[in-house]
């Protein structure tokens, strides 16, 4: 019974963390408003547009990368027992979320800087 509860909680935490990360990606994509009927968008080949497309491509690749998947799985395993099936949101959940956010953001920025030496998170966030 305890094993089933832990497995269920781990799956719930995994789902929630993936949901948060996906929300972050969706926010990026929704922030960039593209009018597909506007031919000028497709004709634009500015350096900024190319860099933005390259970064988004790297983010897509990262989602399926084994290192990223392993990072998430180890994080989930580390904290899965911290969560209970109670209605109450514990203060610990905020700490775990902040830790998750820092861990994932550090991984993302490090990977992007490694693969794209001219990458700047500040510049990318301006583009978003």
C-alpha atoms as a PDB file:
ATOM      1  CA  UNK A   1       0.000   0.000   0.000  1.00  0.00           C
ATOM      2  CA  UNK A   2       2.835   2.414   0.882  1.00  0.00           C
ATOM      3  CA  UNK A   3       4.683   1.544  -2.332  1.00  0.00           C
ATOM      4  CA  UNK A   4       1.546   2.244  -4.373  1.00  0.00           C
ATOM      5  CA  UNK A   5       1.055   5.588  -2.620  1.00  0.00           C
ATOM      6  CA  UNK A   6       4.682   6.589  -3.222  1.00  0.00           C
ATOM      7  CA  UNK A   7       4.471   5.530  -6.861  1.00  0.00           C
ATOM      8  CA  UNK A   8       1.267   7.518  -7.296  1.00  0.00           C
ATOM      9  CA  UNK A   9       2.812  10.572  -5.604  1.00  0.00           C
ATOM     10  CA  UNK A  10       5.983  10.317  -7.685  1.00  0.00           C
ATOM     11  CA  UNK A  11       3.860  10.189 -10.827  1.00  0.00           C
ATOM     12  CA  UNK A  12       1.881  13.217  -9.643  1.00  0.00           C
ATOM     13  CA  UNK A  13       5.043  15.188  -8.849  1.00  0.00           C
ATOM     14  CA  UNK A  14       6.581  14.173 -12.165  1.00  0.00           C
ATOM     15  CA  UNK A  15       3.464  15.302 -13.986  1.00  0.00           C
ATOM     16  CA  UNK A  16       3.341  18.627 -12.116  1.00  0.00           C
ATOM     17  CA  UNK A  17       7.019  19.414 -12.706  1.00  0.00           C
ATOM     18  CA  UNK A  18       6.733  18.558 -16.381  1.00  0.00           C
ATOM     19  CA  UNK A  19       3.596  20.709 -16.533  1.00  0.00           C
ATOM     20  CA  UNK A  20       5.495  23.654 -15.053  1.00  0.00           C
ATOM     21  CA  UNK A  21       8.318  23.269 -17.554  1.00  0.00           C
ATOM     22  CA  UNK A  22       5.877  22.905 -20.443  1.00  0.00           C
ATOM     23  CA  UNK A  23       4.048  25.997 -19.207  1.00  0.00           C
ATOM     24  CA  UNK A  24       7.358  27.883 -19.418  1.00  0.00           C
ATOM     25  CA  UNK A  25       7.861  26.759 -23.002  1.00  0.00           C
ATOM     26  CA  UNK A  26       4.264  27.537 -23.969  1.00  0.00           C
ATOM     27  CA  UNK A  27       4.689  30.994 -22.459  1.00  0.00           C
ATOM     28  CA  UNK A  28       7.707  31.560 -24.680  1.00  0.00           C
ATOM     29  CA  UNK A  29       5.851  30.461 -27.768  1.00  0.00           C
ATOM     30  CA  UNK A  30       2.678  32.395 -26.945  1.00  0.00           C
ATOM     31  CA  UNK A  31       4.608  35.546 -26.198  1.00  0.00           C
ATOM     32  CA  UNK A  32       5.919  35.608 -29.723  1.00  0.00           C
ATOM     33  CA  UNK A  33       2.893  36.639 -31.719  1.00  0.00           C
ATOM     34  CA  UNK A  34       3.215  35.472 -35.315  1.00  0.00           C
ATOM     35  CA  UNK A  35       0.811  36.497 -38.025  1.00  0.00           C
ATOM     36  CA  UNK A  36       1.145  33.636 -40.497  1.00  0.00           C
ATOM     37  CA  UNK A  37      -0.560  35.660 -43.208  1.00  0.00           C
ATOM     38  CA  UNK A  38       2.167  38.283 -42.989  1.00  0.00           C
ATOM     39  CA  UNK A  39       4.703  37.409 -45.680  1.00  0.00           C
ATOM     40  CA  UNK A  40       7.232  39.850 -44.247  1.00  0.00           C
ATOM     41  CA  UNK A  41       7.740  37.525 -41.274  1.00  0.00           C
ATOM     42  CA  UNK A  42       8.895  34.737 -43.535  1.00  0.00           C
ATOM     43  CA  UNK A  43      11.120  37.038 -45.559  1.00  0.00           C
ATOM     44  CA  UNK A  44      12.918  38.326 -42.485  1.00  0.00           C
ATOM     45  CA  UNK A  45      16.356  36.853 -42.045  1.00  0.00           C
ATOM     46  CA  UNK A  46      17.712  39.106 -39.379  1.00  0.00           C
ATOM     47  CA  UNK A  47      20.431  37.807 -37.108  1.00  0.00           C
ATOM     48  CA  UNK A  48      18.105  38.163 -34.101  1.00  0.00           C
ATOM     49  CA  UNK A  49      15.417  36.033 -35.750  1.00  0.00           C
ATOM     50  CA  UNK A  50      17.934  33.361 -36.655  1.00  0.00           C
ATOM     51  CA  UNK A  51      19.340  33.313 -33.121  1.00  0.00           C
ATOM     52  CA  UNK A  52      15.847  33.095 -31.625  1.00  0.00           C
ATOM     53  CA  UNK A  53      14.972  30.178 -33.919  1.00  0.00           C
ATOM     54  CA  UNK A  54      18.244  28.464 -33.028  1.00  0.00           C
ATOM     55  CA  UNK A  55      17.590  28.819 -29.287  1.00  0.00           C
ATOM     56  CA  UNK A  56      14.041  27.486 -29.617  1.00  0.00           C
ATOM     57  CA  UNK A  57      15.398  24.548 -31.628  1.00  0.00           C
ATOM     58  CA  UNK A  58      17.931  23.830 -28.879  1.00  0.00           C
ATOM     59  CA  UNK A  59      15.148  23.947 -26.275  1.00  0.00           C
ATOM     60  CA  UNK A  60      13.155  21.441 -28.305  1.00  0.00           C
ATOM     61  CA  UNK A  61      16.158  19.124 -28.551  1.00  0.00           C
ATOM     62  CA  UNK A  62      16.827  19.497 -24.842  1.00  0.00           C
ATOM     63  CA  UNK A  63      13.350  18.244 -23.936  1.00  0.00           C
ATOM     64  CA  UNK A  64      14.162  14.813 -25.327  1.00  0.00           C
ATOM     65  CA  UNK A  65      17.818  14.736 -24.280  1.00  0.00           C
ATOM     66  CA  UNK A  66      18.676  11.892 -21.878  1.00  0.00           C
ATOM     67  CA  UNK A  67      20.615  14.254 -19.589  1.00  0.00           C
ATOM     68  CA  UNK A  68      17.579  16.484 -19.165  1.00  0.00           C
ATOM     69  CA  UNK A  69      15.257  13.532 -18.595  1.00  0.00           C
ATOM     70  CA  UNK A  70      17.708  12.058 -16.055  1.00  0.00           C
ATOM     71  CA  UNK A  71      18.004  15.398 -14.268  1.00  0.00           C
ATOM     72  CA  UNK A  72      14.244  15.570 -13.852  1.00  0.00           C
ATOM     73  CA  UNK A  73      13.922  11.942 -12.793  1.00  0.00           C
ATOM     74  CA  UNK A  74      16.643  12.303 -10.148  1.00  0.00           C
ATOM     75  CA  UNK A  75      15.005  15.477  -8.858  1.00  0.00           C
ATOM     76  CA  UNK A  76      11.617  13.775  -8.679  1.00  0.00           C
ATOM     77  CA  UNK A  77      13.095  10.767  -6.907  1.00  0.00           C
ATOM     78  CA  UNK A  78      14.853  12.989  -4.397  1.00  0.00           C
ATOM     79  CA  UNK A  79      11.680  14.845  -3.416  1.00  0.00           C
ATOM     80  CA  UNK A  80       8.867  12.374  -4.088  1.00  0.00           C
ATOM     81  CA  UNK A  81       8.578  11.395  -0.447  1.00  0.00           C
ATOM     82  CA  UNK A  82       8.161  15.042   0.568  1.00  0.00           C
ATOM     83  CA  UNK A  83       4.685  15.091  -0.943  1.00  0.00           C
ATOM     84  CA  UNK A  84       1.597  13.707   0.719  1.00  0.00           C
ATOM     85  CA  UNK A  85      -1.946  13.156  -0.428  1.00  0.00           C
ATOM     86  CA  UNK A  86      -3.273  15.863   1.905  1.00  0.00           C
ATOM     87  CA  UNK A  87      -5.412  18.799   0.822  1.00  0.00           C
ATOM     88  CA  UNK A  88      -3.018  21.169   2.576  1.00  0.00           C
ATOM     89  CA  UNK A  89      -0.192  22.780   0.637  1.00  0.00           C
ATOM     90  CA  UNK A  90       2.881  22.572   2.789  1.00  0.00           C
ATOM     91  CA  UNK A  91       5.512  25.306   2.942  1.00  0.00           C
ATOM     92  CA  UNK A  92       8.013  22.674   1.829  1.00  0.00           C
ATOM     93  CA  UNK A  93       6.291  22.532  -1.568  1.00  0.00           C
ATOM     94  CA  UNK A  94       7.335  26.128  -2.258  1.00  0.00           C
ATOM     95  CA  UNK A  95      10.933  25.298  -1.377  1.00  0.00           C
ATOM     96  CA  UNK A  96      10.879  22.232  -3.640  1.00  0.00           C
ATOM     97  CA  UNK A  97       9.380  24.264  -6.492  1.00  0.00           C
ATOM     98  CA  UNK A  98      12.021  26.991  -6.095  1.00  0.00           C
ATOM     99  CA  UNK A  99      14.762  24.361  -6.026  1.00  0.00           C
ATOM    100  CA  UNK A 100      13.314  22.728  -9.136  1.00  0.00           C
ATOM    101  CA  UNK A 101      13.106  26.078 -10.919  1.00  0.00           C
ATOM    102  CA  UNK A 102      16.715  26.938 -10.058  1.00  0.00           C
ATOM    103  CA  UNK A 103      17.960  23.497 -11.077  1.00  0.00           C
ATOM    104  CA  UNK A 104      16.151  23.506 -14.419  1.00  0.00           C
ATOM    105  CA  UNK A 105      17.012  27.124 -15.234  1.00  0.00           C
ATOM    106  CA  UNK A 106      20.685  26.490 -14.450  1.00  0.00           C
ATOM    107  CA  UNK A 107      20.669  23.406 -16.688  1.00  0.00           C
ATOM    108  CA  UNK A 108      18.925  25.256 -19.526  1.00  0.00           C
ATOM    109  CA  UNK A 109      21.229  28.259 -19.422  1.00  0.00           C
ATOM    110  CA  UNK A 110      24.358  26.117 -19.085  1.00  0.00           C
ATOM    111  CA  UNK A 111      23.368  23.915 -22.005  1.00  0.00           C
ATOM    112  CA  UNK A 112      22.462  26.845 -24.219  1.00  0.00           C
ATOM    113  CA  UNK A 113      25.724  28.641 -23.420  1.00  0.00           C
ATOM    114  CA  UNK A 114      27.645  25.429 -24.091  1.00  0.00           C
ATOM    115  CA  UNK A 115      26.001  24.839 -27.462  1.00  0.00           C
ATOM    116  CA  UNK A 116      25.651  28.497 -28.448  1.00  0.00           C
ATOM    117  CA  UNK A 117      28.655  30.420 -27.084  1.00  0.00           C
ATOM    118  CA  UNK A 118      27.094  33.775 -28.018  1.00  0.00           C
ATOM    119  CA  UNK A 119      23.859  32.960 -26.124  1.00  0.00           C
ATOM    120  CA  UNK A 120      22.632  35.483 -23.585  1.00  0.00           C
ATOM    121  CA  UNK A 121      19.584  34.690 -21.455  1.00  0.00           C
ATOM    122  CA  UNK A 122      18.932  38.417 -21.013  1.00  0.00           C
ATOM    123  CA  UNK A 123      18.910  38.954 -24.786  1.00  0.00           C
ATOM    124  CA  UNK A 124      16.730  35.902 -25.327  1.00  0.00           C
ATOM    125  CA  UNK A 125      14.210  37.103 -22.747  1.00  0.00           C
ATOM    126  CA  UNK A 126      14.066  40.480 -24.521  1.00  0.00           C
ATOM    127  CA  UNK A 127      13.229  38.639 -27.741  1.00  0.00           C
ATOM    128  CA  UNK A 128      10.483  36.747 -26.000  1.00  0.00           C
END
